[in-house]
N, C-alpha and C. Protein backbone atom coordinates (compact mmCIF):
# COMPACT_ATOMS: atom_id res chain seq x y z
N MET A 1 108.44 64.56 19.36
CA MET A 1 108.39 63.33 19.81
C MET A 1 107.14 62.85 20.32
N GLU A 2 106.50 61.54 19.79
CA GLU A 2 105.30 61.17 20.36
C GLU A 2 105.35 60.69 21.80
N SER A 3 104.28 60.90 22.45
CA SER A 3 104.25 60.27 23.94
C SER A 3 103.61 58.99 23.64
N THR A 4 103.89 58.10 24.76
CA THR A 4 103.40 56.81 24.73
C THR A 4 102.02 56.57 24.22
N LYS A 5 101.17 57.44 24.86
CA LYS A 5 99.83 57.39 24.62
C LYS A 5 99.57 57.79 23.15
N GLU A 6 100.10 58.72 22.61
CA GLU A 6 100.06 59.07 21.09
C GLU A 6 100.40 57.90 20.22
N THR A 7 101.54 57.24 20.65
CA THR A 7 102.08 56.10 19.66
C THR A 7 101.02 55.02 19.81
N ILE A 8 100.42 54.62 20.88
CA ILE A 8 99.68 53.59 21.08
C ILE A 8 98.40 53.90 20.28
N LYS A 9 97.75 55.18 20.36
CA LYS A 9 96.63 55.49 19.56
C LYS A 9 96.93 55.39 18.11
N ARG A 10 98.27 55.99 17.64
CA ARG A 10 98.43 55.71 16.20
C ARG A 10 98.50 54.37 15.76
N LEU A 11 99.15 53.48 16.58
CA LEU A 11 99.21 52.17 16.29
C LEU A 11 97.90 51.45 16.11
N LEU A 12 96.95 51.70 17.04
CA LEU A 12 95.61 51.22 16.98
C LEU A 12 94.88 51.78 15.65
N ALA A 13 95.14 53.10 15.46
CA ALA A 13 94.39 53.56 14.16
C ALA A 13 94.97 53.10 12.94
N GLU A 14 96.23 52.67 12.95
CA GLU A 14 96.89 52.02 11.70
C GLU A 14 96.22 50.52 11.45
N CYS A 15 96.10 49.91 12.58
CA CYS A 15 95.61 48.39 12.68
C CYS A 15 94.25 48.54 12.17
N LEU A 16 93.39 49.40 12.64
CA LEU A 16 92.13 49.60 12.32
C LEU A 16 91.67 50.30 11.13
N GLU A 17 92.86 50.97 10.48
CA GLU A 17 92.66 51.73 9.28
C GLU A 17 91.63 52.87 9.34
N VAL A 18 91.82 53.64 10.53
CA VAL A 18 90.98 54.82 10.81
C VAL A 18 91.98 56.02 11.23
N PRO A 19 91.63 57.22 11.02
CA PRO A 19 92.53 58.42 11.39
C PRO A 19 92.77 58.28 12.90
N PRO A 20 93.88 58.55 13.53
CA PRO A 20 94.25 58.58 14.81
C PRO A 20 93.28 59.50 15.68
N GLU A 21 92.94 60.58 15.05
CA GLU A 21 92.11 61.61 16.00
C GLU A 21 90.65 60.98 16.25
N GLU A 22 90.29 59.87 15.56
CA GLU A 22 89.03 59.09 15.93
C GLU A 22 89.07 58.19 16.95
N ILE A 23 90.28 58.04 17.44
CA ILE A 23 90.57 57.02 18.75
C ILE A 23 90.43 58.00 19.86
N ASP A 24 89.54 57.48 20.75
CA ASP A 24 89.07 58.38 22.05
C ASP A 24 89.39 57.43 23.28
N ASP A 25 89.95 57.79 24.27
CA ASP A 25 90.28 57.12 25.46
C ASP A 25 88.97 56.33 26.01
N GLU A 26 87.95 56.82 25.79
CA GLU A 26 86.72 56.24 26.42
C GLU A 26 86.10 55.25 25.47
N MET A 27 86.62 55.11 24.28
CA MET A 27 86.10 54.08 23.31
C MET A 27 86.26 52.65 23.72
N PRO A 28 85.07 51.96 23.73
CA PRO A 28 85.27 50.44 24.30
C PRO A 28 85.64 49.65 23.03
N PHE A 29 86.29 48.53 23.37
CA PHE A 29 86.75 47.64 22.27
C PHE A 29 85.60 46.92 21.64
N ASN A 30 84.71 46.58 22.49
CA ASN A 30 83.63 45.71 22.15
C ASN A 30 82.35 46.59 21.57
N GLY A 31 82.66 47.73 21.42
CA GLY A 31 81.56 48.72 20.81
C GLY A 31 82.04 49.45 19.50
N GLU A 32 82.41 50.54 19.68
CA GLU A 32 82.91 51.43 18.55
C GLU A 32 84.14 50.84 17.94
N LEU A 33 85.05 50.22 18.68
CA LEU A 33 86.29 49.64 18.18
C LEU A 33 86.08 47.99 18.19
N GLU A 34 86.11 47.35 17.01
CA GLU A 34 86.00 45.95 17.04
C GLU A 34 87.14 45.40 16.43
N PHE A 35 87.93 44.71 17.25
CA PHE A 35 89.22 44.11 16.76
C PHE A 35 88.80 42.55 16.50
N ASP A 36 89.07 42.10 15.17
CA ASP A 36 89.05 40.63 14.98
C ASP A 36 90.48 40.07 15.46
N SER A 37 90.51 38.82 15.40
CA SER A 37 91.82 38.17 16.00
C SER A 37 92.96 38.57 15.10
N PHE A 38 92.83 38.71 13.74
CA PHE A 38 93.91 39.20 13.00
C PHE A 38 94.45 40.69 13.41
N GLU A 39 93.46 41.49 13.68
CA GLU A 39 93.73 42.96 13.94
C GLU A 39 94.41 42.87 15.38
N ILE A 40 94.04 42.02 16.25
CA ILE A 40 94.82 42.01 17.52
C ILE A 40 96.23 41.60 17.39
N VAL A 41 96.38 40.54 16.61
CA VAL A 41 97.80 40.14 16.43
C VAL A 41 98.60 41.13 15.74
N LYS A 42 98.00 41.73 14.76
CA LYS A 42 98.80 42.85 13.98
C LYS A 42 99.06 44.09 14.98
N PHE A 43 98.24 44.46 15.91
CA PHE A 43 98.52 45.47 16.77
C PHE A 43 99.55 45.04 17.73
N VAL A 44 99.47 43.82 18.37
CA VAL A 44 100.61 43.33 19.26
C VAL A 44 101.97 43.39 18.51
N ILE A 45 101.96 42.88 17.32
CA ILE A 45 103.21 42.89 16.58
C ILE A 45 103.75 44.25 16.43
N SER A 46 102.91 45.21 16.10
CA SER A 46 103.28 46.57 15.95
C SER A 46 103.77 47.11 17.22
N LEU A 47 103.11 46.74 18.35
CA LEU A 47 103.67 47.16 19.77
C LEU A 47 105.00 46.66 19.92
N GLU A 48 105.34 45.25 19.54
CA GLU A 48 106.51 44.64 19.85
C GLU A 48 107.69 45.31 19.01
N GLU A 49 107.33 45.54 17.79
CA GLU A 49 108.34 46.15 16.82
C GLU A 49 108.58 47.61 17.17
N THR A 50 107.67 48.35 17.62
CA THR A 50 107.81 49.76 18.00
C THR A 50 108.64 49.87 19.34
N TYR A 51 108.19 49.17 20.26
CA TYR A 51 108.94 49.24 21.65
C TYR A 51 110.16 48.14 21.94
N GLN A 52 110.36 47.31 20.94
CA GLN A 52 111.24 46.31 20.89
C GLN A 52 111.16 45.41 22.22
N ILE A 53 109.96 44.94 22.45
CA ILE A 53 109.52 44.14 23.53
C ILE A 53 108.87 42.86 22.93
N GLU A 54 108.54 42.01 23.84
CA GLU A 54 107.95 40.74 23.46
C GLU A 54 106.86 40.35 24.31
N PHE A 55 105.65 40.12 23.90
CA PHE A 55 104.56 39.72 24.95
C PHE A 55 104.47 38.18 24.83
N ASP A 56 104.78 37.53 26.02
CA ASP A 56 104.67 35.95 26.13
C ASP A 56 103.27 35.57 26.31
N ASP A 57 102.44 36.39 26.80
CA ASP A 57 100.94 35.95 27.11
C ASP A 57 100.08 37.12 26.70
N PHE A 58 99.45 36.84 25.51
CA PHE A 58 98.50 37.65 24.94
C PHE A 58 97.10 37.83 25.77
N SER A 59 96.93 36.89 26.60
CA SER A 59 95.70 36.93 27.42
C SER A 59 95.94 38.09 28.41
N GLU A 60 97.13 38.30 28.84
CA GLU A 60 97.33 39.49 29.98
C GLU A 60 97.00 40.88 29.15
N LEU A 61 97.42 40.98 28.03
CA LEU A 61 97.17 42.22 27.31
C LEU A 61 95.63 42.28 26.89
N THR A 62 94.99 41.32 26.35
CA THR A 62 93.71 41.38 25.98
C THR A 62 92.75 41.63 27.21
N HIS A 63 93.18 41.15 28.35
CA HIS A 63 92.48 41.32 29.70
C HIS A 63 92.19 42.88 29.78
N HIS A 64 93.07 43.70 29.51
CA HIS A 64 93.07 45.13 29.57
C HIS A 64 92.52 45.87 28.45
N MET A 65 91.80 45.15 27.51
CA MET A 65 91.27 45.80 26.28
C MET A 65 89.72 45.99 26.52
N ASP A 66 89.36 46.65 27.69
CA ASP A 66 87.97 46.89 28.02
C ASP A 66 87.69 48.33 27.14
N HIS A 67 88.47 49.19 27.23
CA HIS A 67 88.39 50.51 26.45
C HIS A 67 90.00 51.01 26.24
N VAL A 68 89.94 51.98 25.37
CA VAL A 68 91.19 52.51 24.88
C VAL A 68 92.13 53.03 26.16
N GLY A 69 91.42 53.80 26.97
CA GLY A 69 92.20 54.33 28.11
C GLY A 69 92.80 53.47 28.91
N ALA A 70 92.00 52.33 29.30
CA ALA A 70 92.44 51.31 30.17
C ALA A 70 93.73 50.53 29.60
N LEU A 71 93.58 50.26 28.30
CA LEU A 71 94.77 49.65 27.49
C LEU A 71 95.93 50.55 27.50
N ILE A 72 95.76 51.73 27.30
CA ILE A 72 96.93 52.70 27.35
C ILE A 72 97.54 52.70 28.81
N CYS A 73 96.66 52.89 29.82
CA CYS A 73 97.26 52.91 31.19
C CYS A 73 98.12 51.57 31.38
N TYR A 74 97.51 50.39 31.07
CA TYR A 74 98.23 49.17 31.26
C TYR A 74 99.57 49.25 30.52
N LEU A 75 99.59 49.55 29.26
CA LEU A 75 100.83 49.61 28.39
C LEU A 75 101.85 50.54 28.88
N GLU A 76 101.43 51.70 29.38
CA GLU A 76 102.47 52.55 29.90
C GLU A 76 103.04 52.08 31.15
N GLY A 77 102.26 51.30 32.03
CA GLY A 77 103.00 50.65 33.18
C GLY A 77 103.76 49.51 32.90
N TYR A 78 103.32 48.84 31.87
CA TYR A 78 104.10 47.67 31.31
C TYR A 78 105.34 48.03 30.72
N LEU A 79 105.41 49.10 29.95
CA LEU A 79 106.61 49.68 29.30
C LEU A 79 107.67 50.19 30.33
N MET A 80 107.23 50.88 31.32
CA MET A 80 107.99 51.46 32.41
C MET A 80 108.58 50.31 33.24
N GLU A 81 107.88 49.29 33.27
CA GLU A 81 108.27 48.01 34.16
C GLU A 81 109.50 47.32 33.42
N VAL A 82 109.15 47.07 31.92
CA VAL A 82 110.16 46.57 30.99
C VAL A 82 111.39 47.22 30.92
N ARG A 83 111.30 48.62 30.91
CA ARG A 83 112.51 49.52 30.75
C ARG A 83 113.33 49.43 32.03
N GLN A 84 112.82 49.18 33.16
CA GLN A 84 113.54 49.11 34.33
C GLN A 84 114.48 47.93 34.50
N THR A 85 114.01 46.81 33.72
CA THR A 85 114.79 45.58 33.87
C THR A 85 116.00 45.42 32.89
């Protein structure tokens, strides 16, 4: 069974069409990983479908898209919070 971190990296890799092993926690989104608006929406939809959640505010999510590790940390916390409600 994949960890949350592995799943998020896999979803990122699928959206960017790169092998998951190329996704590193320290990779910045505005450097090595460049998401266009379509890829961001595709990634968010894949997160929503995978975890059966719904993001009401994309800006909260994109605020944490400094680098991969920061996004993973935010999403792990967010998912724990959602699962408790």
